[in-house]
């Protein structure tokens, strides 16, 4: 991964975390690594633990950022959901996607709640 892609991903995750906090979510952790992959943002919405996958795009020809969450990414997110459920036994788990489109001057944020079923 190039430095520019890492920088774009990090800035997108910062925007997503700020967005979630404004909505009242509690950020539990960021860039949480497991054997099966990494959780961009782990948050709490009331009593629900939320795994948040952040996708950021800067160029129009790349398509919509949420389109990057393909079959294989969904499969990985489900595995991460199972891993997290073992740490939070009595709490429901949800997987959201935050898609950030930075093709204009003002980033557009699309929060897709329960984007992937566990």
N, C-alpha and C. Protein backbone atom coordinates (compact mmCIF):
# COMPACT_ATOMS: atom_id res chain seq x y z
N UNK A 1 0.85 -1.18 0.00
CA UNK A 1 0.00 0.00 0.00
C UNK A 1 0.90 1.24 0.00
N UNK A 2 0.57 2.18 -0.86
CA UNK A 2 1.38 3.38 -0.96
C UNK A 2 1.11 4.32 0.21
N UNK A 3 2.05 5.22 0.42
CA UNK A 3 1.90 6.20 1.49
C UNK A 3 0.64 7.04 1.29
N UNK A 4 0.35 7.42 0.04
CA UNK A 4 -0.83 8.24 -0.24
C UNK A 4 -2.12 7.51 0.10
N UNK A 5 -2.17 6.20 -0.20
CA UNK A 5 -3.37 5.42 0.14
C UNK A 5 -3.53 5.29 1.64
N UNK A 6 -2.43 5.07 2.35
CA UNK A 6 -2.50 4.99 3.82
C UNK A 6 -2.98 6.31 4.40
N UNK A 7 -2.46 7.40 3.84
CA UNK A 7 -2.84 8.73 4.33
C UNK A 7 -4.33 9.00 4.06
N UNK A 8 -4.82 8.62 2.88
CA UNK A 8 -6.24 8.78 2.55
C UNK A 8 -7.10 7.94 3.49
N UNK A 9 -6.69 6.70 3.73
CA UNK A 9 -7.43 5.83 4.64
C UNK A 9 -7.48 6.37 6.05
N UNK A 10 -6.35 6.88 6.53
CA UNK A 10 -6.29 7.44 7.89
C UNK A 10 -7.16 8.68 8.01
N UNK A 11 -7.14 9.54 6.99
CA UNK A 11 -7.98 10.75 7.07
C UNK A 11 -9.46 10.38 7.01
N UNK A 12 -9.80 9.36 6.22
CA UNK A 12 -11.18 8.89 6.17
C UNK A 12 -11.63 8.32 7.50
N UNK A 13 -10.76 7.56 8.15
CA UNK A 13 -11.11 6.99 9.46
C UNK A 13 -11.27 8.09 10.51
N UNK A 14 -10.46 9.14 10.42
CA UNK A 14 -10.61 10.28 11.34
C UNK A 14 -11.97 10.95 11.14
N UNK A 15 -12.34 11.18 9.88
CA UNK A 15 -13.65 11.79 9.58
C UNK A 15 -14.79 10.91 10.08
N UNK A 16 -14.65 9.60 9.86
CA UNK A 16 -15.70 8.66 10.28
C UNK A 16 -15.83 8.65 11.80
N UNK A 17 -14.72 8.65 12.51
CA UNK A 17 -14.76 8.64 13.98
C UNK A 17 -15.44 9.92 14.50
N UNK A 18 -15.09 11.07 13.92
CA UNK A 18 -15.73 12.33 14.32
C UNK A 18 -17.24 12.28 14.04
N UNK A 19 -17.61 11.77 12.89
CA UNK A 19 -19.00 11.65 12.49
C UNK A 19 -19.77 10.79 13.49
N UNK A 20 -19.20 9.64 13.85
CA UNK A 20 -19.86 8.73 14.80
C UNK A 20 -20.00 9.37 16.18
N UNK A 21 -18.96 10.04 16.63
CA UNK A 21 -19.02 10.70 17.94
C UNK A 21 -20.11 11.76 17.98
N UNK A 22 -20.28 12.49 16.88
CA UNK A 22 -21.35 13.50 16.81
C UNK A 22 -22.73 12.86 16.89
N UNK A 23 -22.82 11.61 16.42
CA UNK A 23 -24.09 10.88 16.50
C UNK A 23 -24.31 10.24 17.86
N UNK A 24 -23.32 10.33 18.76
CA UNK A 24 -23.47 9.77 20.10
C UNK A 24 -22.83 8.41 20.29
N UNK A 25 -22.11 7.92 19.29
CA UNK A 25 -21.41 6.65 19.44
C UNK A 25 -20.19 6.85 20.33
N UNK A 26 -19.83 5.80 21.03
CA UNK A 26 -18.60 5.80 21.82
C UNK A 26 -17.56 5.00 21.03
N UNK A 27 -16.42 5.61 20.75
CA UNK A 27 -15.35 4.91 20.04
C UNK A 27 -14.59 4.07 21.07
N UNK A 28 -14.58 2.76 20.87
CA UNK A 28 -13.91 1.84 21.79
C UNK A 28 -12.45 1.66 21.38
N UNK A 29 -12.22 1.49 20.07
CA UNK A 29 -10.86 1.25 19.60
C UNK A 29 -10.81 1.53 18.10
N UNK A 30 -9.59 1.73 17.60
CA UNK A 30 -9.39 1.93 16.16
C UNK A 30 -8.23 1.05 15.70
N UNK A 31 -8.32 0.62 14.46
CA UNK A 31 -7.29 -0.22 13.85
C UNK A 31 -6.95 -1.42 14.72
N UNK A 32 -7.99 -2.13 15.10
CA UNK A 32 -7.88 -3.30 15.96
C UNK A 32 -7.55 -4.52 15.10
N UNK A 33 -6.40 -5.14 15.35
CA UNK A 33 -5.93 -6.24 14.51
C UNK A 33 -6.24 -7.60 15.11
N UNK A 34 -6.68 -8.49 14.21
CA UNK A 34 -6.92 -9.89 14.53
C UNK A 34 -6.22 -10.72 13.47
N UNK A 35 -6.16 -12.03 13.68
CA UNK A 35 -5.55 -12.90 12.68
C UNK A 35 -6.27 -12.82 11.34
N UNK A 36 -7.58 -12.64 11.38
CA UNK A 36 -8.38 -12.63 10.15
C UNK A 36 -8.44 -11.27 9.47
N UNK A 37 -7.98 -10.21 10.13
CA UNK A 37 -8.03 -8.89 9.53
C UNK A 37 -8.02 -7.79 10.56
N UNK A 38 -8.38 -6.60 10.11
CA UNK A 38 -8.36 -5.42 10.96
C UNK A 38 -9.72 -4.73 10.97
N UNK A 39 -10.11 -4.28 12.15
CA UNK A 39 -11.33 -3.48 12.29
C UNK A 39 -10.92 -2.02 12.28
N UNK A 40 -11.48 -1.25 11.35
CA UNK A 40 -11.12 0.17 11.26
C UNK A 40 -11.53 0.91 12.52
N UNK A 41 -12.80 0.78 12.88
CA UNK A 41 -13.32 1.43 14.09
C UNK A 41 -14.23 0.45 14.81
N UNK A 42 -14.01 0.32 16.11
CA UNK A 42 -14.91 -0.45 16.96
C UNK A 42 -15.61 0.56 17.85
N UNK A 43 -16.93 0.59 17.78
CA UNK A 43 -17.70 1.60 18.50
C UNK A 43 -18.84 0.95 19.25
N UNK A 44 -19.50 1.77 20.06
CA UNK A 44 -20.68 1.31 20.78
C UNK A 44 -21.81 2.29 20.54
N UNK A 45 -22.95 1.76 20.12
CA UNK A 45 -24.17 2.53 19.91
C UNK A 45 -25.21 1.97 20.87
N UNK A 46 -25.47 2.72 21.94
CA UNK A 46 -26.28 2.23 23.06
C UNK A 46 -25.64 0.94 23.59
N UNK A 47 -26.32 -0.19 23.49
CA UNK A 47 -25.74 -1.44 24.00
C UNK A 47 -25.19 -2.32 22.88
N UNK A 48 -25.20 -1.82 21.66
CA UNK A 48 -24.73 -2.59 20.51
C UNK A 48 -23.27 -2.26 20.20
N UNK A 49 -22.46 -3.31 20.02
CA UNK A 49 -21.08 -3.14 19.59
C UNK A 49 -21.10 -3.06 18.07
N UNK A 50 -20.44 -2.04 17.53
CA UNK A 50 -20.49 -1.79 16.09
C UNK A 50 -19.09 -1.88 15.49
N UNK A 51 -18.96 -2.78 14.53
CA UNK A 51 -17.74 -2.86 13.73
C UNK A 51 -17.96 -1.94 12.55
N UNK A 52 -17.07 -0.99 12.35
CA UNK A 52 -17.24 -0.01 11.28
C UNK A 52 -16.11 -0.17 10.27
N UNK A 53 -16.50 -0.47 9.05
CA UNK A 53 -15.57 -0.53 7.93
C UNK A 53 -15.64 0.82 7.23
N UNK A 54 -14.50 1.48 7.06
CA UNK A 54 -14.45 2.80 6.44
C UNK A 54 -13.83 2.66 5.05
N UNK A 55 -14.51 3.19 4.05
CA UNK A 55 -14.01 3.21 2.69
C UNK A 55 -14.01 4.65 2.20
N UNK A 56 -12.86 5.10 1.72
CA UNK A 56 -12.71 6.48 1.26
C UNK A 56 -12.21 6.49 -0.18
N UNK A 57 -12.82 7.34 -0.99
CA UNK A 57 -12.40 7.49 -2.39
C UNK A 57 -12.22 8.97 -2.68
N UNK A 58 -11.26 9.25 -3.56
CA UNK A 58 -10.97 10.63 -3.91
C UNK A 58 -11.25 10.92 -5.38
N UNK A 59 -11.32 9.90 -6.23
CA UNK A 59 -11.48 10.13 -7.67
C UNK A 59 -12.78 9.50 -8.18
N UNK A 60 -13.46 10.23 -9.05
CA UNK A 60 -14.76 9.81 -9.58
C UNK A 60 -14.66 8.50 -10.34
N UNK A 61 -13.61 8.31 -11.13
CA UNK A 61 -13.50 7.11 -11.97
C UNK A 61 -13.36 5.82 -11.15
N UNK A 62 -13.14 5.94 -9.85
CA UNK A 62 -13.00 4.76 -9.00
C UNK A 62 -14.35 4.19 -8.56
N UNK A 63 -15.44 4.87 -8.85
CA UNK A 63 -16.75 4.40 -8.42
C UNK A 63 -17.06 4.87 -7.00
N UNK A 64 -18.14 4.36 -6.45
CA UNK A 64 -18.55 4.72 -5.10
C UNK A 64 -17.70 3.96 -4.08
N UNK A 65 -17.36 4.59 -2.97
CA UNK A 65 -16.53 3.90 -1.98
C UNK A 65 -17.18 2.65 -1.40
N UNK A 66 -18.49 2.66 -1.22
CA UNK A 66 -19.16 1.49 -0.63
C UNK A 66 -19.12 0.28 -1.57
N UNK A 67 -18.86 0.51 -2.85
CA UNK A 67 -18.75 -0.59 -3.80
C UNK A 67 -17.50 -1.44 -3.56
N UNK A 68 -16.57 -0.94 -2.78
CA UNK A 68 -15.36 -1.69 -2.45
C UNK A 68 -15.64 -2.80 -1.44
N UNK A 69 -16.78 -2.77 -0.80
CA UNK A 69 -17.13 -3.82 0.17
C UNK A 69 -17.78 -4.95 -0.62
N UNK A 70 -16.92 -5.79 -1.17
CA UNK A 70 -17.36 -6.88 -2.02
C UNK A 70 -17.59 -8.16 -1.20
N UNK A 71 -17.85 -9.25 -1.89
CA UNK A 71 -18.12 -10.53 -1.25
C UNK A 71 -17.01 -10.93 -0.28
N UNK A 72 -15.76 -10.79 -0.71
CA UNK A 72 -14.62 -11.21 0.12
C UNK A 72 -14.46 -10.32 1.34
N UNK A 73 -14.69 -9.02 1.19
CA UNK A 73 -14.60 -8.10 2.32
C UNK A 73 -15.72 -8.40 3.32
N UNK A 74 -16.92 -8.68 2.82
CA UNK A 74 -18.04 -9.03 3.70
C UNK A 74 -17.73 -10.31 4.48
N UNK A 75 -17.14 -11.27 3.82
CA UNK A 75 -16.77 -12.52 4.48
C UNK A 75 -15.77 -12.24 5.60
N UNK A 76 -14.79 -11.39 5.34
CA UNK A 76 -13.80 -11.04 6.35
C UNK A 76 -14.45 -10.28 7.52
N UNK A 77 -15.38 -9.40 7.20
CA UNK A 77 -16.07 -8.64 8.25
C UNK A 77 -16.90 -9.57 9.14
N UNK A 78 -17.51 -10.59 8.55
CA UNK A 78 -18.27 -11.57 9.35
C UNK A 78 -17.33 -12.33 10.29
N UNK A 79 -16.15 -12.69 9.80
CA UNK A 79 -15.16 -13.37 10.66
C UNK A 79 -14.72 -12.46 11.80
N UNK A 80 -14.54 -11.19 11.50
CA UNK A 80 -14.18 -10.23 12.54
C UNK A 80 -15.32 -10.07 13.54
N UNK A 81 -16.56 -10.14 13.05
CA UNK A 81 -17.72 -10.08 13.94
C UNK A 81 -17.74 -11.24 14.91
N UNK A 82 -17.40 -12.43 14.42
CA UNK A 82 -17.34 -13.60 15.30
C UNK A 82 -16.23 -13.45 16.34
N UNK A 83 -15.10 -12.91 15.93
CA UNK A 83 -13.99 -12.71 16.87
C UNK A 83 -14.37 -11.72 17.96
N UNK A 84 -15.02 -10.65 17.58
CA UNK A 84 -15.43 -9.63 18.56
C UNK A 84 -16.53 -10.18 19.48
N UNK A 85 -17.42 -11.00 18.94
CA UNK A 85 -18.53 -11.52 19.75
C UNK A 85 -18.02 -12.36 20.92
N UNK A 86 -16.83 -12.91 20.80
CA UNK A 86 -16.26 -13.69 21.91
C UNK A 86 -15.75 -12.80 23.03
N UNK A 87 -15.47 -11.54 22.71
CA UNK A 87 -15.05 -10.58 23.73
C UNK A 87 -16.24 -9.86 24.36
N UNK A 88 -17.33 -9.74 23.62
CA UNK A 88 -18.53 -9.05 24.09
C UNK A 88 -19.69 -10.04 24.04
N UNK A 89 -19.66 -11.01 24.94
CA UNK A 89 -20.58 -12.14 24.89
C UNK A 89 -22.05 -11.76 24.98
N UNK A 90 -22.41 -10.82 25.81
CA UNK A 90 -23.81 -10.52 26.07
C UNK A 90 -24.32 -9.30 25.31
N UNK A 91 -23.56 -8.83 24.33
CA UNK A 91 -23.98 -7.64 23.60
C UNK A 91 -24.16 -7.96 22.12
N UNK A 92 -25.19 -7.36 21.52
CA UNK A 92 -25.38 -7.57 20.09
C UNK A 92 -24.24 -6.92 19.29
N UNK A 93 -23.91 -7.53 18.16
CA UNK A 93 -22.85 -7.03 17.28
C UNK A 93 -23.49 -6.61 15.96
N UNK A 94 -23.03 -5.49 15.44
CA UNK A 94 -23.54 -4.99 14.16
C UNK A 94 -22.34 -4.56 13.31
N UNK A 95 -22.47 -4.68 12.00
CA UNK A 95 -21.41 -4.25 11.10
C UNK A 95 -21.95 -3.13 10.21
N UNK A 96 -21.34 -1.96 10.31
CA UNK A 96 -21.70 -0.80 9.50
C UNK A 96 -20.58 -0.49 8.51
N UNK A 97 -20.94 0.23 7.48
CA UNK A 97 -19.95 0.75 6.54
C UNK A 97 -20.13 2.26 6.49
N UNK A 98 -19.02 2.97 6.58
CA UNK A 98 -19.03 4.41 6.35
C UNK A 98 -18.24 4.66 5.08
N UNK A 99 -18.94 5.17 4.07
CA UNK A 99 -18.34 5.47 2.78
C UNK A 99 -18.12 6.97 2.69
N UNK A 100 -16.89 7.36 2.40
CA UNK A 100 -16.55 8.78 2.32
C UNK A 100 -16.10 9.08 0.90
N UNK A 101 -16.80 10.00 0.28
CA UNK A 101 -16.50 10.43 -1.09
C UNK A 101 -15.84 11.80 -1.01
N UNK A 102 -14.56 11.86 -1.34
CA UNK A 102 -13.82 13.12 -1.28
C UNK A 102 -13.56 13.71 -2.66
N UNK A 103 -14.45 13.41 -3.64
CA UNK A 103 -14.23 13.94 -4.98
C UNK A 103 -14.54 15.43 -5.06
N UNK A 104 -15.37 15.95 -4.18
CA UNK A 104 -15.68 17.38 -4.14
C UNK A 104 -14.88 18.04 -3.03
N UNK A 105 -15.07 19.34 -2.88
CA UNK A 105 -14.36 20.08 -1.84
C UNK A 105 -14.80 19.64 -0.44
N UNK A 106 -16.09 19.35 -0.30
CA UNK A 106 -16.64 18.92 0.98
C UNK A 106 -16.89 17.42 0.93
N UNK A 107 -16.26 16.63 1.81
CA UNK A 107 -16.48 15.18 1.78
C UNK A 107 -17.94 14.82 2.05
N UNK A 108 -18.42 13.81 1.32
CA UNK A 108 -19.77 13.31 1.53
C UNK A 108 -19.65 11.99 2.29
N UNK A 109 -20.41 11.88 3.39
CA UNK A 109 -20.37 10.69 4.22
C UNK A 109 -21.69 9.94 4.10
N UNK A 110 -21.58 8.66 3.79
CA UNK A 110 -22.74 7.79 3.70
C UNK A 110 -22.57 6.70 4.76
N UNK A 111 -23.42 6.71 5.79
CA UNK A 111 -23.35 5.74 6.87
C UNK A 111 -24.39 4.66 6.59
N UNK A 112 -23.92 3.47 6.30
CA UNK A 112 -24.79 2.35 6.01
C UNK A 112 -24.85 1.46 7.25
N UNK A 113 -25.96 1.56 7.96
CA UNK A 113 -26.14 0.81 9.20
C UNK A 113 -26.52 -0.63 8.88
N UNK A 114 -25.89 -1.56 9.59
CA UNK A 114 -26.15 -3.00 9.39
C UNK A 114 -25.91 -3.40 7.94
N UNK A 115 -24.81 -2.92 7.38
CA UNK A 115 -24.48 -3.16 5.97
C UNK A 115 -24.16 -4.62 5.70
N UNK A 116 -23.62 -5.30 6.70
CA UNK A 116 -23.26 -6.71 6.56
C UNK A 116 -23.87 -7.44 7.75
N UNK A 117 -24.60 -8.50 7.48
CA UNK A 117 -25.17 -9.27 8.58
C UNK A 117 -24.12 -10.23 9.16
N UNK A 118 -24.11 -10.34 10.47
CA UNK A 118 -23.13 -11.22 11.15
C UNK A 118 -23.47 -12.67 10.99
